[in-house]
PDB file of N, CA and C in Angstrom:
ATOM      1  N   MET A   1     -27.450  -1.447 -30.220  1.00  0.00           N
ATOM      2  CA  MET A   1     -27.426  -1.089 -28.826  1.00  0.00           C
ATOM      3  C   MET A   1     -27.427  -2.313 -27.924  1.00  0.00           C
ATOM      4  N   GLN A   2     -28.092  -3.361 -28.327  1.00  0.00           N
ATOM      5  CA  GLN A   2     -28.153  -4.564 -27.507  1.00  0.00           C
ATOM      6  C   GLN A   2     -26.759  -5.181 -27.348  1.00  0.00           C
ATOM      7  N   GLU A   3     -25.973  -5.144 -28.413  1.00  0.00           N
ATOM      8  CA  GLU A   3     -24.626  -5.709 -28.326  1.00  0.00           C
ATOM      9  C   GLU A   3     -23.754  -4.910 -27.373  1.00  0.00           C
ATOM     10  N   ARG A   4     -24.009  -3.640 -27.258  1.00  0.00           N
ATOM     11  CA  ARG A   4     -23.213  -2.770 -26.390  1.00  0.00           C
ATOM     12  C   ARG A   4     -23.401  -3.121 -24.917  1.00  0.00           C
ATOM     13  N   ARG A   5     -24.524  -3.674 -24.558  1.00  0.00           N
ATOM     14  CA  ARG A   5     -24.811  -3.997 -23.152  1.00  0.00           C
ATOM     15  C   ARG A   5     -23.802  -4.960 -22.548  1.00  0.00           C
ATOM     16  N   LYS A   6     -23.294  -5.881 -23.333  1.00  0.00           N
ATOM     17  CA  LYS A   6     -22.375  -6.870 -22.772  1.00  0.00           C
ATOM     18  C   LYS A   6     -21.043  -6.259 -22.332  1.00  0.00           C
ATOM     19  N   PHE A   7     -20.748  -5.048 -22.820  1.00  0.00           N
ATOM     20  CA  PHE A   7     -19.500  -4.397 -22.435  1.00  0.00           C
ATOM     21  C   PHE A   7     -19.648  -3.544 -21.183  1.00  0.00           C
ATOM     22  N   GLY A   8     -20.854  -3.339 -20.737  1.00  0.00           N
ATOM     23  CA  GLY A   8     -21.069  -2.549 -19.529  1.00  0.00           C
ATOM     24  C   GLY A   8     -21.022  -1.063 -19.806  1.00  0.00           C
ATOM     25  N   PRO A   9     -20.998  -0.264 -18.754  1.00  0.00           N
ATOM     26  CA  PRO A   9     -21.052   1.191 -18.908  1.00  0.00           C
ATOM     27  C   PRO A   9     -19.680   1.788 -19.224  1.00  0.00           C
ATOM     28  N   LEU A  10     -19.271   1.722 -20.461  1.00  0.00           N
ATOM     29  CA  LEU A  10     -18.011   2.325 -20.877  1.00  0.00           C
ATOM     30  C   LEU A  10     -18.302   3.625 -21.605  1.00  0.00           C
ATOM     31  N   GLY A  11     -17.417   4.582 -21.480  1.00  0.00           N
ATOM     32  CA  GLY A  11     -17.537   5.781 -22.285  1.00  0.00           C
ATOM     33  C   GLY A  11     -18.019   7.000 -21.542  1.00  0.00           C
ATOM     34  N   TRP A  12     -18.682   7.845 -22.264  1.00  0.00           N
ATOM     35  CA  TRP A  12     -19.052   9.169 -21.800  1.00  0.00           C
ATOM     36  C   TRP A  12     -19.718   9.157 -20.428  1.00  0.00           C
ATOM     37  N   ASN A  13     -19.201   9.971 -19.557  1.00  0.00           N
ATOM     38  CA  ASN A  13     -19.707  10.140 -18.194  1.00  0.00           C
ATOM     39  C   ASN A  13     -19.582   8.891 -17.333  1.00  0.00           C
ATOM     40  N   THR A  14     -18.697   8.015 -17.672  1.00  0.00           N
ATOM     41  CA  THR A  14     -18.427   6.854 -16.846  1.00  0.00           C
ATOM     42  C   THR A  14     -17.172   7.138 -16.028  1.00  0.00           C
ATOM     43  N   ALA A  15     -17.257   6.965 -14.751  1.00  0.00           N
ATOM     44  CA  ALA A  15     -16.107   7.249 -13.888  1.00  0.00           C
ATOM     45  C   ALA A  15     -14.993   6.229 -14.143  1.00  0.00           C
ATOM     46  N   PRO A  16     -13.834   6.693 -14.621  1.00  0.00           N
ATOM     47  CA  PRO A  16     -12.722   5.766 -14.796  1.00  0.00           C
ATOM     48  C   PRO A  16     -12.173   5.340 -13.444  1.00  0.00           C
ATOM     49  N   GLU A  17     -11.543   4.211 -13.393  1.00  0.00           N
ATOM     50  CA  GLU A  17     -11.007   3.695 -12.143  1.00  0.00           C
ATOM     51  C   GLU A  17      -9.566   4.155 -11.959  1.00  0.00           C
ATOM     52  N   PHE A  18      -9.410   5.429 -11.580  1.00  0.00           N
ATOM     53  CA  PHE A  18      -8.084   5.942 -11.295  1.00  0.00           C
ATOM     54  C   PHE A  18      -7.635   5.392  -9.948  1.00  0.00           C
ATOM     55  N   SER A  19      -6.385   4.987  -9.868  1.00  0.00           N
ATOM     56  CA  SER A  19      -5.866   4.413  -8.634  1.00  0.00           C
ATOM     57  C   SER A  19      -4.949   5.406  -7.920  1.00  0.00           C
ATOM     58  N   SER A  20      -4.566   5.060  -6.725  1.00  0.00           N
ATOM     59  CA  SER A  20      -3.616   5.907  -5.994  1.00  0.00           C
ATOM     60  C   SER A  20      -2.257   5.892  -6.689  1.00  0.00           C
ATOM     61  N   GLY A  21      -1.961   4.812  -7.402  1.00  0.00           N
ATOM     62  CA  GLY A  21      -0.725   4.749  -8.181  1.00  0.00           C
ATOM     63  C   GLY A  21      -0.722   5.745  -9.329  1.00  0.00           C
ATOM     64  N   ASP A  22      -1.885   5.927  -9.966  1.00  0.00           N
ATOM     65  CA  ASP A  22      -2.012   6.928 -11.026  1.00  0.00           C
ATOM     66  C   ASP A  22      -1.761   8.321 -10.463  1.00  0.00           C
ATOM     67  N   PHE A  23      -2.336   8.587  -9.309  1.00  0.00           N
ATOM     68  CA  PHE A  23      -2.167   9.888  -8.664  1.00  0.00           C
ATOM     69  C   PHE A  23      -0.705  10.110  -8.270  1.00  0.00           C
ATOM     70  N   ALA A  24      -0.076   9.094  -7.709  1.00  0.00           N
ATOM     71  CA  ALA A  24       1.333   9.203  -7.311  1.00  0.00           C
ATOM     72  C   ALA A  24       2.221   9.467  -8.525  1.00  0.00           C
ATOM     73  N   CYS A  25       1.922   8.800  -9.624  1.00  0.00           N
ATOM     74  CA  CYS A  25       2.686   9.001 -10.854  1.00  0.00           C
ATOM     75  C   CYS A  25       2.506  10.426 -11.377  1.00  0.00           C
ATOM     76  N   ALA A  26       1.273  10.940 -11.327  1.00  0.00           N
ATOM     77  CA  ALA A  26       1.004  12.309 -11.767  1.00  0.00           C
ATOM     78  C   ALA A  26       1.729  13.316 -10.873  1.00  0.00           C
ATOM     79  N   LEU A  27       1.747  13.077  -9.575  1.00  0.00           N
ATOM     80  CA  LEU A  27       2.471  13.964  -8.660  1.00  0.00           C
ATOM     81  C   LEU A  27       3.975  13.932  -8.917  1.00  0.00           C
ATOM     82  N   GLN A  28       4.495  12.755  -9.169  1.00  0.00           N
ATOM     83  CA  GLN A  28       5.924  12.617  -9.463  1.00  0.00           C
ATOM     84  C   GLN A  28       6.273  13.344 -10.762  1.00  0.00           C
ATOM     85  N   THR A  29       5.419  13.239 -11.751  1.00  0.00           N
ATOM     86  CA  THR A  29       5.632  13.942 -13.015  1.00  0.00           C
ATOM     87  C   THR A  29       5.599  15.453 -12.801  1.00  0.00           C
ATOM     88  N   LEU A  30       4.619  15.931 -12.037  1.00  0.00           N
ATOM     89  CA  LEU A  30       4.522  17.351 -11.738  1.00  0.00           C
ATOM     90  C   LEU A  30       5.779  17.835 -11.014  1.00  0.00           C
ATOM     91  N   HIS A  31       6.217  17.090 -10.031  1.00  0.00           N
ATOM     92  CA  HIS A  31       7.429  17.455  -9.278  1.00  0.00           C
ATOM     93  C   HIS A  31       8.637  17.511 -10.207  1.00  0.00           C
ATOM     94  N   MET A  32       8.763  16.534 -11.092  1.00  0.00           N
ATOM     95  CA  MET A  32       9.892  16.483 -12.022  1.00  0.00           C
ATOM     96  C   MET A  32       9.899  17.713 -12.939  1.00  0.00           C
ATOM     97  N   PHE A  33       8.743  18.067 -13.482  1.00  0.00           N
ATOM     98  CA  PHE A  33       8.660  19.221 -14.379  1.00  0.00           C
ATOM     99  C   PHE A  33       8.932  20.521 -13.638  1.00  0.00           C
ATOM    100  N   LEU A  34       8.375  20.666 -12.432  1.00  0.00           N
ATOM    101  CA  LEU A  34       8.550  21.914 -11.693  1.00  0.00           C
ATOM    102  C   LEU A  34       9.968  22.074 -11.169  1.00  0.00           C
ATOM    103  N   SER A  35      10.584  21.007 -10.702  1.00  0.00           N
ATOM    104  CA  SER A  35      11.950  21.122 -10.189  1.00  0.00           C
ATOM    105  C   SER A  35      12.957  21.283 -11.324  1.00  0.00           C
ATOM    106  N   GLY A  36      12.617  20.821 -12.512  1.00  0.00           N
ATOM    107  CA  GLY A  36      13.512  20.975 -13.657  1.00  0.00           C
ATOM    108  C   GLY A  36      13.429  22.343 -14.289  1.00  0.00           C
ATOM    109  N   ALA A  37      12.451  23.128 -13.930  1.00  0.00           N
ATOM    110  CA  ALA A  37      12.244  24.450 -14.531  1.00  0.00           C
ATOM    111  C   ALA A  37      12.568  25.537 -13.524  1.00  0.00           C
ATOM    112  N   THR A  38      13.816  25.597 -13.100  1.00  0.00           N
ATOM    113  CA  THR A  38      14.209  26.589 -12.097  1.00  0.00           C
ATOM    114  C   THR A  38      14.713  27.877 -12.730  1.00  0.00           C
ATOM    115  N   THR A  39      14.823  27.912 -14.037  1.00  0.00           N
ATOM    116  CA  THR A  39      15.320  29.098 -14.723  1.00  0.00           C
ATOM    117  C   THR A  39      14.262  30.196 -14.720  1.00  0.00           C
ATOM    118  N   VAL A  40      14.690  31.410 -14.390  1.00  0.00           N
ATOM    119  CA  VAL A  40      13.791  32.563 -14.464  1.00  0.00           C
ATOM    120  C   VAL A  40      14.093  33.287 -15.764  1.00  0.00           C
ATOM    121  N   VAL A  41      13.099  33.443 -16.603  1.00  0.00           N
ATOM    122  CA  VAL A  41      13.267  34.111 -17.884  1.00  0.00           C
ATOM    123  C   VAL A  41      13.202  35.617 -17.655  1.00  0.00           C
ATOM    124  N   PRO A  42      14.228  36.381 -18.088  1.00  0.00           N
ATOM    125  CA  PRO A  42      14.215  37.829 -17.885  1.00  0.00           C
ATOM    126  C   PRO A  42      12.986  38.474 -18.521  1.00  0.00           C
ATOM    127  N   GLY A  43      12.367  39.369 -17.788  1.00  0.00           N
ATOM    128  CA  GLY A  43      11.190  40.066 -18.288  1.00  0.00           C
ATOM    129  C   GLY A  43       9.894  39.294 -18.099  1.00  0.00           C
ATOM    130  N   GLN A  44      10.006  38.065 -17.612  1.00  0.00           N
ATOM    131  CA  GLN A  44       8.821  37.247 -17.368  1.00  0.00           C
ATOM    132  C   GLN A  44       8.882  36.751 -15.941  1.00  0.00           C
ATOM    133  N   GLY A  45       7.776  36.402 -15.411  1.00  0.00           N
ATOM    134  CA  GLY A  45       7.701  35.956 -14.033  1.00  0.00           C
ATOM    135  C   GLY A  45       8.229  34.546 -13.858  1.00  0.00           C
ATOM    136  N   PRO A  46       8.337  34.106 -12.605  1.00  0.00           N
ATOM    137  CA  PRO A  46       8.734  32.729 -12.358  1.00  0.00           C
ATOM    138  C   PRO A  46       7.698  31.772 -12.926  1.00  0.00           C
ATOM    139  N   GLY A  47       8.141  30.671 -13.405  1.00  0.00           N
ATOM    140  CA  GLY A  47       7.234  29.700 -14.007  1.00  0.00           C
ATOM    141  C   GLY A  47       7.155  29.820 -15.510  1.00  0.00           C
ATOM    142  N   ALA A  48       7.817  30.852 -16.070  1.00  0.00           N
ATOM    143  CA  ALA A  48       7.771  31.043 -17.519  1.00  0.00           C
ATOM    144  C   ALA A  48       8.532  29.939 -18.249  1.00  0.00           C
ATOM    145  N   SER A  49       9.490  29.309 -17.576  1.00  0.00           N
ATOM    146  CA  SER A  49      10.269  28.262 -18.232  1.00  0.00           C
ATOM    147  C   SER A  49       9.654  26.872 -18.077  1.00  0.00           C
ATOM    148  N   ILE A  50       8.516  26.777 -17.398  1.00  0.00           N
ATOM    149  CA  ILE A  50       7.846  25.480 -17.233  1.00  0.00           C
ATOM    150  C   ILE A  50       7.145  25.133 -18.542  1.00  0.00           C
ATOM    151  N   PRO A  51       7.405  23.952 -19.092  1.00  0.00           N
ATOM    152  CA  PRO A  51       6.738  23.544 -20.342  1.00  0.00           C
ATOM    153  C   PRO A  51       5.309  23.079 -20.066  1.00  0.00           C
ATOM    154  N   TRP A  52       4.385  24.023 -19.940  1.00  0.00           N
ATOM    155  CA  TRP A  52       3.019  23.727 -19.521  1.00  0.00           C
ATOM    156  C   TRP A  52       2.318  22.764 -20.468  1.00  0.00           C
ATOM    157  N   GLU A  53       2.499  22.955 -21.772  1.00  0.00           N
ATOM    158  CA  GLU A  53       1.836  22.071 -22.732  1.00  0.00           C
ATOM    159  C   GLU A  53       2.346  20.639 -22.601  1.00  0.00           C
ATOM    160  N   ALA A  54       3.648  20.491 -22.426  1.00  0.00           N
ATOM    161  CA  ALA A  54       4.222  19.148 -22.267  1.00  0.00           C
ATOM    162  C   ALA A  54       3.740  18.505 -20.969  1.00  0.00           C
ATOM    163  N   LEU A  55       3.677  19.282 -19.904  1.00  0.00           N
ATOM    164  CA  LEU A  55       3.204  18.773 -18.620  1.00  0.00           C
ATOM    165  C   LEU A  55       1.751  18.318 -18.718  1.00  0.00           C
ATOM    166  N   THR A  56       0.927  19.110 -19.386  1.00  0.00           N
ATOM    167  CA  THR A  56      -0.478  18.755 -19.581  1.00  0.00           C
ATOM    168  C   THR A  56      -0.606  17.481 -20.395  1.00  0.00           C
ATOM    169  N   TYR A  57       0.179  17.375 -21.464  1.00  0.00           N
ATOM    170  CA  TYR A  57       0.115  16.195 -22.327  1.00  0.00           C
ATOM    171  C   TYR A  57       0.546  14.933 -21.574  1.00  0.00           C
ATOM    172  N   VAL A  58       1.665  15.017 -20.871  1.00  0.00           N
ATOM    173  CA  VAL A  58       2.179  13.840 -20.162  1.00  0.00           C
ATOM    174  C   VAL A  58       1.190  13.381 -19.093  1.00  0.00           C
ATOM    175  N   THR A  59       0.654  14.322 -18.336  1.00  0.00           N
ATOM    176  CA  THR A  59      -0.292  13.945 -17.286  1.00  0.00           C
ATOM    177  C   THR A  59      -1.595  13.420 -17.864  1.00  0.00           C
ATOM    178  N   GLY A  60      -2.147  14.121 -18.843  1.00  0.00           N
ATOM    179  CA  GLY A  60      -3.460  13.755 -19.382  1.00  0.00           C
ATOM    180  C   GLY A  60      -3.459  12.559 -20.306  1.00  0.00           C
ATOM    181  N   GLN A  61      -2.485  12.499 -21.202  1.00  0.00           N
ATOM    182  CA  GLN A  61      -2.488  11.441 -22.207  1.00  0.00           C
ATOM    183  C   GLN A  61      -1.715  10.193 -21.767  1.00  0.00           C
ATOM    184  N   ILE A  62      -0.664  10.386 -20.992  1.00  0.00           N
ATOM    185  CA  ILE A  62       0.180   9.248 -20.625  1.00  0.00           C
ATOM    186  C   ILE A  62      -0.194   8.701 -19.249  1.00  0.00           C
ATOM    187  N   ASN A  63      -0.216   9.576 -18.217  1.00  0.00           N
ATOM    188  CA  ASN A  63      -0.521   9.089 -16.870  1.00  0.00           C
ATOM    189  C   ASN A  63      -1.958   8.611 -16.730  1.00  0.00           C
ATOM    190  N   TYR A  64      -2.907   9.440 -17.174  1.00  0.00           N
ATOM    191  CA  TYR A  64      -4.319   9.110 -16.995  1.00  0.00           C
ATOM    192  C   TYR A  64      -5.012   8.641 -18.271  1.00  0.00           C
ATOM    193  N   GLY A  65      -4.443   8.929 -19.415  1.00  0.00           N
ATOM    194  CA  GLY A  65      -5.104   8.667 -20.690  1.00  0.00           C
ATOM    195  C   GLY A  65      -5.440   7.218 -20.964  1.00  0.00           C
ATOM    196  N   GLY A  66      -4.670   6.290 -20.447  1.00  0.00           N
ATOM    197  CA  GLY A  66      -4.945   4.877 -20.675  1.00  0.00           C
ATOM    198  C   GLY A  66      -6.199   4.388 -19.978  1.00  0.00           C
ATOM    199  N   ARG A  67      -6.651   5.106 -18.984  1.00  0.00           N
ATOM    200  CA  ARG A  67      -7.860   4.711 -18.244  1.00  0.00           C
ATOM    201  C   ARG A  67      -9.131   5.310 -18.850  1.00  0.00           C
ATOM    202  N   VAL A  68      -8.967   6.309 -19.710  1.00  0.00           N
ATOM    203  CA  VAL A  68     -10.112   6.997 -20.308  1.00  0.00           C
ATOM    204  C   VAL A  68     -10.434   6.327 -21.640  1.00  0.00           C
ATOM    205  N   THR A  69     -11.653   5.852 -21.793  1.00  0.00           N
ATOM    206  CA  THR A  69     -12.012   5.050 -22.964  1.00  0.00           C
ATOM    207  C   THR A  69     -12.756   5.824 -24.046  1.00  0.00           C
ATOM    208  N   ASP A  70     -13.170   7.032 -23.769  1.00  0.00           N
ATOM    209  CA  ASP A  70     -13.995   7.781 -24.711  1.00  0.00           C
ATOM    210  C   ASP A  70     -13.287   9.076 -25.103  1.00  0.00           C
ATOM    211  N   ASP A  71     -13.389   9.457 -26.374  1.00  0.00           N
ATOM    212  CA  ASP A  71     -12.738  10.681 -26.847  1.00  0.00           C
ATOM    213  C   ASP A  71     -13.272  11.928 -26.151  1.00  0.00           C
ATOM    214  N   ASN A  72     -14.570  11.955 -25.884  1.00  0.00           N
ATOM    215  CA  ASN A  72     -15.136  13.115 -25.186  1.00  0.00           C
ATOM    216  C   ASN A  72     -14.631  13.203 -23.747  1.00  0.00           C
ATOM    217  N   ASP A  73     -14.482  12.067 -23.094  1.00  0.00           N
ATOM    218  CA  ASP A  73     -13.922  12.054 -21.737  1.00  0.00           C
ATOM    219  C   ASP A  73     -12.469  12.516 -21.749  1.00  0.00           C
ATOM    220  N   ARG A  74     -11.725  12.073 -22.744  1.00  0.00           N
ATOM    221  CA  ARG A  74     -10.322  12.474 -22.855  1.00  0.00           C
ATOM    222  C   ARG A  74     -10.216  13.975 -23.097  1.00  0.00           C
ATOM    223  N   ARG A  75     -11.095  14.482 -23.941  1.00  0.00           N
ATOM    224  CA  ARG A  75     -11.113  15.921 -24.212  1.00  0.00           C
ATOM    225  C   ARG A  75     -11.443  16.697 -22.938  1.00  0.00           C
ATOM    226  N   LEU A  76     -12.410  16.214 -22.173  1.00  0.00           N
ATOM    227  CA  LEU A  76     -12.764  16.846 -20.904  1.00  0.00           C
ATOM    228  C   LEU A  76     -11.594  16.819 -19.927  1.00  0.00           C
ATOM    229  N   LEU A  77     -10.927  15.688 -19.831  1.00  0.00           N
ATOM    230  CA  LEU A  77      -9.759  15.564 -18.953  1.00  0.00           C
ATOM    231  C   LEU A  77      -8.689  16.586 -19.328  1.00  0.00           C
ATOM    232  N   MET A  78      -8.414  16.734 -20.623  1.00  0.00           N
ATOM    233  CA  MET A  78      -7.397  17.682 -21.066  1.00  0.00           C
ATOM    234  C   MET A  78      -7.830  19.128 -20.787  1.00  0.00           C
ATOM    235  N   CYS A  79      -9.115  19.419 -20.911  1.00  0.00           N
ATOM    236  CA  CYS A  79      -9.611  20.772 -20.595  1.00  0.00           C
ATOM    237  C   CYS A  79      -9.470  21.086 -19.115  1.00  0.00           C
ATOM    238  N   ILE A  80      -9.782  20.117 -18.274  1.00  0.00           N
ATOM    239  CA  ILE A  80      -9.647  20.314 -16.829  1.00  0.00           C
ATOM    240  C   ILE A  80      -8.185  20.529 -16.459  1.00  0.00           C
ATOM    241  N   LEU A  81      -7.303  19.715 -17.013  1.00  0.00           N
ATOM    242  CA  LEU A  81      -5.878  19.896 -16.732  1.00  0.00           C
ATOM    243  C   LEU A  81      -5.394  21.248 -17.227  1.00  0.00           C
ATOM    244  N   GLY A  82      -5.902  21.687 -18.371  1.00  0.00           N
ATOM    245  CA  GLY A  82      -5.518  22.985 -18.919  1.00  0.00           C
ATOM    246  C   GLY A  82      -5.903  24.150 -18.025  1.00  0.00           C
ATOM    247  N   GLN A  83      -6.955  23.977 -17.231  1.00  0.00           N
ATOM    248  CA  GLN A  83      -7.365  25.014 -16.292  1.00  0.00           C
ATOM    249  C   GLN A  83      -6.380  25.145 -15.128  1.00  0.00           C
ATOM    250  N   TYR A  84      -5.743  24.053 -14.764  1.00  0.00           N
ATOM    251  CA  TYR A  84      -4.834  24.049 -13.618  1.00  0.00           C
ATOM    252  C   TYR A  84      -3.369  24.151 -14.008  1.00  0.00           C
ATOM    253  N   TYR A  85      -2.998  23.585 -15.139  1.00  0.00           N
ATOM    254  CA  TYR A  85      -1.609  23.602 -15.572  1.00  0.00           C
ATOM    255  C   TYR A  85      -1.378  24.783 -16.497  1.00  0.00           C
ATOM    256  N   GLN A  86      -1.227  25.957 -15.902  1.00  0.00           N
ATOM    257  CA  GLN A  86      -0.967  27.173 -16.644  1.00  0.00           C
ATOM    258  C   GLN A  86      -0.251  28.151 -15.708  1.00  0.00           C
ATOM    259  N   PRO A  87       0.461  29.119 -16.270  1.00  0.00           N
ATOM    260  CA  PRO A  87       1.233  30.060 -15.431  1.00  0.00           C
ATOM    261  C   PRO A  87       0.385  30.850 -14.444  1.00  0.00           C
ATOM    262  N   ALA A  88      -0.878  31.071 -14.737  1.00  0.00           N
ATOM    263  CA  ALA A  88      -1.724  31.909 -13.872  1.00  0.00           C
ATOM    264  C   ALA A  88      -2.011  31.263 -12.508  1.00  0.00           C
ATOM    265  N   VAL A  89      -1.778  29.966 -12.335  1.00  0.00           N
ATOM    266  CA  VAL A  89      -2.103  29.307 -11.076  1.00  0.00           C
ATOM    267  C   VAL A  89      -0.956  29.326 -10.069  1.00  0.00           C
ATOM    268  N   ARG A  90       0.130  29.989 -10.380  1.00  0.00           N
ATOM    269  CA  ARG A  90       1.270  30.053  -9.466  1.00  0.00           C
ATOM    270  C   ARG A  90       0.861  30.505  -8.136  1.00  0.00           C
TER     271      ARG A  90
END
């Protein structure tokens, strides 16, 4: 534990330093996915052609994932994104 002190507060429950650039990139990714999914699938509502899993992965693992240093934090981030990136939030 003493050796861990020199690295500072990294890991679980540590606020990552997300920047406005990270947010802008996530918004651009969201816009790209939503504008690319204009197809309406017969028998299903609008938004059925949006690749929700891919959108969640790209935003969570690629856009923000590099700033998250702990597996539990990454898991939490993906769970939070999963609550918002789904067809029910239309």
